[in-house]
Amino acid sequence: MIRKMQPADLEPALELWLAANLQAHSFIAPAYWYDNLEPLRQMLPQAEVYVYAEAAESAPLALIGLDGDYIAGLFVAPEAQTQGIGKQLLDYAKILRSQLTLRVYRQNERALNFYQREGFQITDSQIDEATGAAEYLMHWQA
């Protein structure tokens, strides 16, 4: 089920975020993700975040954060990947918004292929100043 993130979801969501980033972004130093854990702990409760959980009181298996039409992140727990959960969250965001943008690291081919399959188009490329990694800006329109 998809629901808005609740206060009890914060710690499991942070663990999920960290595990998913460490797995997907081996080309970025792990210290970057650990250094951003505490700022994320402060920001997440104020953000528009939806989680996928097996039941109303279950810990989240995935989360998507929206900042207006921008997808600030879509993360699926490593053990729950390839089960269609990320697609369900993305489809939910597409119901909420008529257009969406996001950034994806160029080296994260799995995510890049996923977003392209889901109708996102690359509109620009740049270097992420925080990590030094190349990234694409992608856009989807209903």
N, C-alpha and C. Protein backbone atom coordinates (compact mmCIF):
# COMPACT_ATOMS: atom_id res chain seq x y z
N MET A 1 0.82 -1.19 0.00
CA MET A 1 0.00 0.00 0.00
C MET A 1 0.87 1.25 0.00
N ILE A 2 0.36 2.29 -0.60
CA ILE A 2 1.06 3.58 -0.64
C ILE A 2 0.34 4.52 0.31
N ARG A 3 1.12 5.21 1.13
CA ARG A 3 0.56 6.17 2.09
C ARG A 3 1.57 7.28 2.34
N LYS A 4 1.08 8.39 2.89
CA LYS A 4 1.99 9.47 3.29
C LYS A 4 2.90 8.97 4.40
N MET A 5 4.14 9.43 4.37
CA MET A 5 5.07 9.05 5.42
C MET A 5 4.56 9.53 6.77
N GLN A 6 4.69 8.69 7.78
CA GLN A 6 4.27 9.00 9.15
C GLN A 6 5.51 9.16 10.03
N PRO A 7 5.38 9.81 11.18
CA PRO A 7 6.55 9.98 12.06
C PRO A 7 7.26 8.67 12.39
N ALA A 8 6.52 7.60 12.57
CA ALA A 8 7.13 6.30 12.90
C ALA A 8 7.96 5.74 11.75
N ASP A 9 7.77 6.27 10.55
CA ASP A 9 8.51 5.81 9.37
C ASP A 9 9.90 6.43 9.25
N LEU A 10 10.18 7.46 10.04
CA LEU A 10 11.41 8.22 9.82
C LEU A 10 12.68 7.36 9.89
N GLU A 11 12.90 6.66 10.96
CA GLU A 11 14.14 5.89 11.09
C GLU A 11 14.23 4.77 10.04
N PRO A 12 13.16 3.98 9.83
CA PRO A 12 13.24 2.98 8.76
C PRO A 12 13.46 3.61 7.38
N ALA A 13 12.87 4.78 7.14
CA ALA A 13 13.05 5.46 5.85
C ALA A 13 14.50 5.91 5.68
N LEU A 14 15.11 6.40 6.74
CA LEU A 14 16.52 6.81 6.67
C LEU A 14 17.43 5.61 6.40
N GLU A 15 17.15 4.50 7.05
CA GLU A 15 17.94 3.28 6.82
C GLU A 15 17.79 2.81 5.37
N LEU A 16 16.56 2.86 4.87
CA LEU A 16 16.27 2.47 3.49
C LEU A 16 17.02 3.39 2.52
N TRP A 17 16.93 4.69 2.76
CA TRP A 17 17.60 5.68 1.92
C TRP A 17 19.11 5.41 1.85
N LEU A 18 19.71 5.16 3.01
CA LEU A 18 21.14 4.93 3.06
C LEU A 18 21.51 3.64 2.32
N ALA A 19 20.81 2.56 2.60
CA ALA A 19 21.12 1.28 1.96
C ALA A 19 20.95 1.35 0.45
N ALA A 20 19.88 1.99 -0.01
CA ALA A 20 19.63 2.09 -1.45
C ALA A 20 20.69 2.94 -2.13
N ASN A 21 21.08 4.04 -1.50
CA ASN A 21 22.11 4.90 -2.10
C ASN A 21 23.47 4.22 -2.14
N LEU A 22 23.83 3.55 -1.08
CA LEU A 22 25.12 2.85 -1.06
C LEU A 22 25.16 1.76 -2.13
N GLN A 23 24.06 1.07 -2.34
CA GLN A 23 24.01 0.02 -3.34
C GLN A 23 24.05 0.59 -4.76
N ALA A 24 23.26 1.62 -5.02
CA ALA A 24 23.11 2.15 -6.38
C ALA A 24 24.26 3.06 -6.82
N HIS A 25 24.98 3.62 -5.88
CA HIS A 25 25.96 4.66 -6.22
C HIS A 25 27.36 4.29 -5.74
N SER A 26 27.85 3.17 -6.17
CA SER A 26 29.19 2.73 -5.77
C SER A 26 30.28 3.68 -6.28
N PHE A 27 29.94 4.52 -7.24
CA PHE A 27 30.89 5.48 -7.81
C PHE A 27 30.99 6.77 -6.99
N ILE A 28 30.24 6.85 -5.90
CA ILE A 28 30.30 8.00 -5.00
C ILE A 28 30.80 7.50 -3.65
N ALA A 29 31.70 8.24 -3.03
CA ALA A 29 32.26 7.83 -1.74
C ALA A 29 31.14 7.63 -0.71
N PRO A 30 31.15 6.52 0.01
CA PRO A 30 30.12 6.27 1.03
C PRO A 30 29.99 7.40 2.05
N ALA A 31 31.10 8.07 2.33
CA ALA A 31 31.06 9.17 3.31
C ALA A 31 30.05 10.24 2.91
N TYR A 32 29.85 10.45 1.61
CA TYR A 32 28.88 11.45 1.15
C TYR A 32 27.48 11.12 1.69
N TRP A 33 27.10 9.86 1.58
CA TRP A 33 25.75 9.45 2.03
C TRP A 33 25.64 9.53 3.54
N TYR A 34 26.67 9.08 4.24
CA TYR A 34 26.65 9.15 5.71
C TYR A 34 26.61 10.60 6.18
N ASP A 35 27.35 11.48 5.50
CA ASP A 35 27.37 12.89 5.88
C ASP A 35 26.01 13.56 5.68
N ASN A 36 25.20 13.04 4.76
CA ASN A 36 23.90 13.64 4.47
C ASN A 36 22.76 13.02 5.26
N LEU A 37 23.06 12.04 6.07
CA LEU A 37 22.01 11.36 6.84
C LEU A 37 21.35 12.30 7.86
N GLU A 38 22.15 13.05 8.61
CA GLU A 38 21.58 13.93 9.63
C GLU A 38 20.77 15.08 9.03
N PRO A 39 21.29 15.77 7.99
CA PRO A 39 20.45 16.80 7.36
C PRO A 39 19.13 16.23 6.83
N LEU A 40 19.19 15.02 6.28
CA LEU A 40 17.96 14.38 5.78
C LEU A 40 17.00 14.10 6.93
N ARG A 41 17.52 13.69 8.07
CA ARG A 41 16.68 13.43 9.25
C ARG A 41 15.88 14.68 9.64
N GLN A 42 16.48 15.85 9.44
CA GLN A 42 15.79 17.10 9.76
C GLN A 42 14.79 17.51 8.68
N MET A 43 15.10 17.23 7.42
CA MET A 43 14.26 17.67 6.30
C MET A 43 13.07 16.75 6.02
N LEU A 44 13.27 15.46 6.18
CA LEU A 44 12.26 14.49 5.77
C LEU A 44 10.89 14.70 6.41
N PRO A 45 10.82 14.99 7.71
CA PRO A 45 9.49 15.18 8.31
C PRO A 45 8.69 16.35 7.73
N GLN A 46 9.37 17.34 7.15
CA GLN A 46 8.66 18.49 6.57
C GLN A 46 8.39 18.31 5.08
N ALA A 47 8.91 17.27 4.49
CA ALA A 47 8.81 17.07 3.04
C ALA A 47 7.54 16.30 2.66
N GLU A 48 7.19 16.37 1.38
CA GLU A 48 6.08 15.58 0.84
C GLU A 48 6.66 14.23 0.43
N VAL A 49 6.45 13.24 1.29
CA VAL A 49 7.03 11.91 1.08
C VAL A 49 5.92 10.87 1.17
N TYR A 50 5.95 9.95 0.22
CA TYR A 50 5.02 8.83 0.21
C TYR A 50 5.83 7.55 0.32
N VAL A 51 5.30 6.59 1.05
CA VAL A 51 6.01 5.33 1.24
C VAL A 51 5.15 4.18 0.74
N TYR A 52 5.84 3.11 0.38
CA TYR A 52 5.18 1.86 0.06
C TYR A 52 5.49 0.93 1.23
N ALA A 53 4.43 0.37 1.81
CA ALA A 53 4.57 -0.58 2.91
C ALA A 53 3.58 -1.72 2.68
N GLU A 54 3.89 -2.88 3.22
CA GLU A 54 3.02 -4.04 3.02
C GLU A 54 1.70 -3.88 3.76
N ALA A 55 1.69 -3.14 4.87
CA ALA A 55 0.47 -2.90 5.65
C ALA A 55 0.57 -1.51 6.28
N ALA A 56 -0.54 -1.04 6.82
CA ALA A 56 -0.60 0.32 7.36
C ALA A 56 0.47 0.59 8.42
N GLU A 57 0.79 -0.39 9.23
CA GLU A 57 1.76 -0.20 10.31
C GLU A 57 3.13 -0.78 9.99
N SER A 58 3.31 -1.29 8.79
CA SER A 58 4.60 -1.89 8.41
C SER A 58 5.64 -0.83 8.10
N ALA A 59 6.89 -1.20 8.28
CA ALA A 59 7.99 -0.31 7.90
C ALA A 59 7.99 -0.15 6.38
N PRO A 60 8.35 1.03 5.89
CA PRO A 60 8.38 1.24 4.44
C PRO A 60 9.42 0.38 3.73
N LEU A 61 9.05 -0.08 2.54
CA LEU A 61 9.97 -0.80 1.67
C LEU A 61 10.50 0.11 0.58
N ALA A 62 9.85 1.27 0.40
CA ALA A 62 10.26 2.22 -0.62
C ALA A 62 9.69 3.58 -0.26
N LEU A 63 10.29 4.62 -0.85
CA LEU A 63 9.77 5.98 -0.62
C LEU A 63 10.04 6.84 -1.84
N ILE A 64 9.17 7.83 -2.00
CA ILE A 64 9.36 8.83 -3.05
C ILE A 64 9.12 10.19 -2.41
N GLY A 65 10.03 11.12 -2.68
CA GLY A 65 9.90 12.48 -2.16
C GLY A 65 9.63 13.44 -3.30
N LEU A 66 8.64 14.29 -3.11
CA LEU A 66 8.27 15.28 -4.12
C LEU A 66 8.48 16.68 -3.58
N ASP A 67 9.02 17.54 -4.41
CA ASP A 67 9.16 18.96 -4.11
C ASP A 67 8.53 19.69 -5.28
N GLY A 68 7.24 19.94 -5.18
CA GLY A 68 6.50 20.45 -6.33
C GLY A 68 6.46 19.37 -7.38
N ASP A 69 6.91 19.69 -8.60
CA ASP A 69 6.94 18.72 -9.70
C ASP A 69 8.27 17.97 -9.78
N TYR A 70 9.14 18.19 -8.81
CA TYR A 70 10.47 17.58 -8.82
C TYR A 70 10.49 16.34 -7.92
N ILE A 71 10.96 15.24 -8.46
CA ILE A 71 11.15 14.03 -7.65
C ILE A 71 12.51 14.16 -6.98
N ALA A 72 12.47 14.42 -5.68
CA ALA A 72 13.70 14.61 -4.93
C ALA A 72 14.40 13.27 -4.68
N GLY A 73 13.68 12.19 -4.82
CA GLY A 73 14.29 10.87 -4.67
C GLY A 73 13.24 9.78 -4.72
N LEU A 74 13.64 8.66 -5.28
CA LEU A 74 12.83 7.44 -5.30
C LEU A 74 13.77 6.33 -4.88
N PHE A 75 13.47 5.71 -3.76
CA PHE A 75 14.36 4.70 -3.19
C PHE A 75 13.58 3.46 -2.82
N VAL A 76 14.12 2.32 -3.21
CA VAL A 76 13.53 1.03 -2.88
C VAL A 76 14.57 0.24 -2.11
N ALA A 77 14.15 -0.36 -1.00
CA ALA A 77 15.07 -1.19 -0.20
C ALA A 77 15.69 -2.25 -1.10
N PRO A 78 16.99 -2.48 -0.98
CA PRO A 78 17.65 -3.46 -1.85
C PRO A 78 16.94 -4.81 -1.91
N GLU A 79 16.44 -5.29 -0.79
CA GLU A 79 15.78 -6.60 -0.77
C GLU A 79 14.40 -6.58 -1.43
N ALA A 80 13.86 -5.40 -1.72
CA ALA A 80 12.53 -5.29 -2.32
C ALA A 80 12.58 -4.83 -3.78
N GLN A 81 13.78 -4.70 -4.33
CA GLN A 81 13.89 -4.24 -5.72
C GLN A 81 13.46 -5.32 -6.70
N THR A 82 13.11 -4.89 -7.89
CA THR A 82 12.64 -5.74 -9.01
C THR A 82 11.29 -6.39 -8.72
N GLN A 83 10.49 -5.82 -7.83
CA GLN A 83 9.16 -6.33 -7.52
C GLN A 83 8.06 -5.38 -7.99
N GLY A 84 8.44 -4.31 -8.69
CA GLY A 84 7.45 -3.36 -9.19
C GLY A 84 7.06 -2.28 -8.21
N ILE A 85 7.70 -2.22 -7.06
CA ILE A 85 7.35 -1.25 -6.03
C ILE A 85 7.73 0.17 -6.46
N GLY A 86 8.91 0.33 -7.03
CA GLY A 86 9.32 1.66 -7.51
C GLY A 86 8.39 2.18 -8.58
N LYS A 87 7.94 1.30 -9.47
CA LYS A 87 7.00 1.69 -10.52
C LYS A 87 5.67 2.12 -9.91
N GLN A 88 5.21 1.41 -8.88
CA GLN A 88 3.96 1.78 -8.23
C GLN A 88 4.05 3.18 -7.63
N LEU A 89 5.16 3.48 -6.96
CA LEU A 89 5.33 4.82 -6.39
C LEU A 89 5.42 5.89 -7.48
N LEU A 90 6.14 5.58 -8.55
CA LEU A 90 6.25 6.54 -9.65
C LEU A 90 4.89 6.76 -10.31
N ASP A 91 4.13 5.70 -10.51
CA ASP A 91 2.78 5.84 -11.07
C ASP A 91 1.90 6.69 -10.16
N TYR A 92 2.06 6.54 -8.85
CA TYR A 92 1.29 7.34 -7.90
C TYR A 92 1.65 8.82 -8.06
N ALA A 93 2.94 9.11 -8.19
CA ALA A 93 3.38 10.50 -8.39
C ALA A 93 2.81 11.06 -9.69
N LYS A 94 2.71 10.21 -10.72
CA LYS A 94 2.15 10.65 -12.00
C LYS A 94 0.66 10.96 -11.89
N ILE A 95 -0.02 10.35 -10.95
CA ILE A 95 -1.43 10.68 -10.69
C ILE A 95 -1.52 12.05 -10.00
N LEU A 96 -0.57 12.32 -9.12
CA LEU A 96 -0.58 13.57 -8.36
C LEU A 96 -0.13 14.78 -9.17
N ARG A 97 0.69 14.55 -10.19
CA ARG A 97 1.28 15.64 -10.96
C ARG A 97 1.08 15.40 -12.45
N SER A 98 0.97 16.48 -13.22
CA SER A 98 0.84 16.35 -14.68
C SER A 98 2.20 16.37 -15.38
N GLN A 99 3.23 16.75 -14.65
CA GLN A 99 4.60 16.69 -15.17
C GLN A 99 5.54 16.48 -13.99
N LEU A 100 6.67 15.85 -14.28
CA LEU A 100 7.66 15.56 -13.25
C LEU A 100 9.05 15.75 -13.83
N THR A 101 9.97 16.19 -12.99
CA THR A 101 11.38 16.25 -13.36
C THR A 101 12.18 15.53 -12.28
N LEU A 102 13.39 15.15 -12.62
CA LEU A 102 14.28 14.50 -11.66
C LEU A 102 15.69 14.56 -12.18
N ARG A 103 16.62 14.25 -11.31
CA ARG A 103 18.02 14.12 -11.70
C ARG A 103 18.44 12.69 -11.40
N VAL A 104 19.22 12.12 -12.29
CA VAL A 104 19.74 10.76 -12.11
C VAL A 104 21.20 10.76 -12.53
N TYR A 105 22.02 10.10 -11.72
CA TYR A 105 23.43 10.01 -12.06
C TYR A 105 23.61 9.21 -13.34
N ARG A 106 24.46 9.69 -14.22
CA ARG A 106 24.71 9.05 -15.51
C ARG A 106 25.21 7.61 -15.32
N GLN A 107 25.98 7.37 -14.29
CA GLN A 107 26.52 6.03 -14.05
C GLN A 107 25.49 5.07 -13.44
N ASN A 108 24.36 5.58 -13.01
CA ASN A 108 23.33 4.73 -12.43
C ASN A 108 22.44 4.23 -13.58
N GLU A 109 22.99 3.34 -14.37
CA GLU A 109 22.31 2.88 -15.59
C GLU A 109 20.98 2.19 -15.29
N ARG A 110 20.91 1.49 -14.20
CA ARG A 110 19.66 0.81 -13.84
C ARG A 110 18.52 1.83 -13.65
N ALA A 111 18.79 2.88 -12.90
CA ALA A 111 17.78 3.91 -12.69
C ALA A 111 17.49 4.67 -13.98
N LEU A 112 18.52 4.98 -14.73
CA LEU A 112 18.34 5.69 -16.00
C LEU A 112 17.44 4.90 -16.93
N ASN A 113 17.69 3.61 -17.07
CA ASN A 113 16.86 2.75 -17.92
C ASN A 113 15.43 2.68 -17.40
N PHE A 114 15.26 2.61 -16.09
CA PHE A 114 13.93 2.57 -15.48
C PHE A 114 13.13 3.82 -15.84
N TYR A 115 13.74 4.98 -15.64
CA TYR A 115 13.02 6.23 -15.93
C TYR A 115 12.71 6.38 -17.41
N GLN A 116 13.61 5.96 -18.26
CA GLN A 116 13.33 6.04 -19.70
C GLN A 116 12.19 5.10 -20.08
N ARG A 117 12.15 3.90 -19.50
CA ARG A 117 11.02 2.98 -19.74
C ARG A 117 9.70 3.59 -19.28
N GLU A 118 9.77 4.43 -18.26
CA GLU A 118 8.57 5.04 -17.69
C GLU A 118 8.21 6.37 -18.34
N GLY A 119 8.84 6.69 -19.48
CA GLY A 119 8.46 7.85 -20.27
C GLY A 119 9.22 9.13 -20.00
N PHE A 120 10.26 9.08 -19.19
CA PHE A 120 11.07 10.27 -18.94
C PHE A 120 12.06 10.47 -20.07
N GLN A 121 12.28 11.73 -20.41
CA GLN A 121 13.23 12.10 -21.47
C GLN A 121 14.38 12.89 -20.85
N ILE A 122 15.59 12.66 -21.33
CA ILE A 122 16.73 13.45 -20.89
C ILE A 122 16.61 14.83 -21.52
N THR A 123 16.68 15.87 -20.69
CA THR A 123 16.57 17.23 -21.20
C THR A 123 17.85 18.04 -21.03
N ASP A 124 18.75 17.57 -20.16
CA ASP A 124 19.99 18.30 -19.94
C ASP A 124 20.96 17.39 -19.19
N SER A 125 22.22 17.77 -19.17
CA SER A 125 23.21 17.06 -18.37
C SER A 125 24.09 18.08 -17.68
N GLN A 126 24.64 17.67 -16.56
CA GLN A 126 25.47 18.57 -15.77
C GLN A 126 26.32 17.74 -14.82
N ILE A 127 27.16 18.42 -14.07
CA ILE A 127 27.95 17.78 -13.03
C ILE A 127 27.33 18.18 -11.69
N ASP A 128 27.04 17.19 -10.86
CA ASP A 128 26.54 17.45 -9.51
C ASP A 128 27.70 18.02 -8.70
N GLU A 129 27.58 19.26 -8.28
CA GLU A 129 28.66 19.93 -7.56
C GLU A 129 29.01 19.23 -6.25
N ALA A 130 28.03 18.63 -5.60
CA ALA A 130 28.26 18.00 -4.31
C ALA A 130 29.08 16.72 -4.42
N THR A 131 28.93 15.99 -5.52
CA THR A 131 29.61 14.70 -5.66
C THR A 131 30.65 14.68 -6.77
N GLY A 132 30.56 15.60 -7.71
CA GLY A 132 31.45 15.60 -8.87
C GLY A 132 31.03 14.61 -9.94
N ALA A 133 29.88 13.95 -9.75
CA ALA A 133 29.41 12.94 -10.70
C ALA A 133 28.52 13.59 -11.76
N ALA A 134 28.61 13.07 -12.97
CA ALA A 134 27.75 13.56 -14.06
C ALA A 134 26.33 13.07 -13.83
N GLU A 135 25.37 13.94 -14.14
CA GLU A 135 23.97 13.56 -13.98
C GLU A 135 23.14 14.11 -15.12
N TYR A 136 22.00 13.47 -15.32
CA TYR A 136 21.03 13.92 -16.31
C TYR A 136 19.84 14.55 -15.61
N LEU A 137 19.29 15.58 -16.23
CA LEU A 137 18.00 16.11 -15.83
C LEU A 137 16.98 15.45 -16.76
N MET A 138 15.92 14.88 -16.18
CA MET A 138 14.93 14.17 -16.96
C MET A 138 13.55 14.77 -16.71
N HIS A 139 12.68 14.66 -17.71
CA HIS A 139 11.35 15.25 -17.63
C HIS A 139 10.31 14.26 -18.15
N TRP A 140 9.16 14.27 -17.48
CA TRP A 140 8.00 13.48 -17.91
C TRP A 140 6.79 14.42 -17.95
N GLN A 141 5.96 14.26 -18.97
CA GLN A 141 4.73 15.05 -19.12
C GLN A 141 3.59 14.11 -19.39
N ALA A 142 2.47 14.33 -18.72
CA ALA A 142 1.29 13.49 -18.94
C ALA A 142 0.79 13.63 -20.36
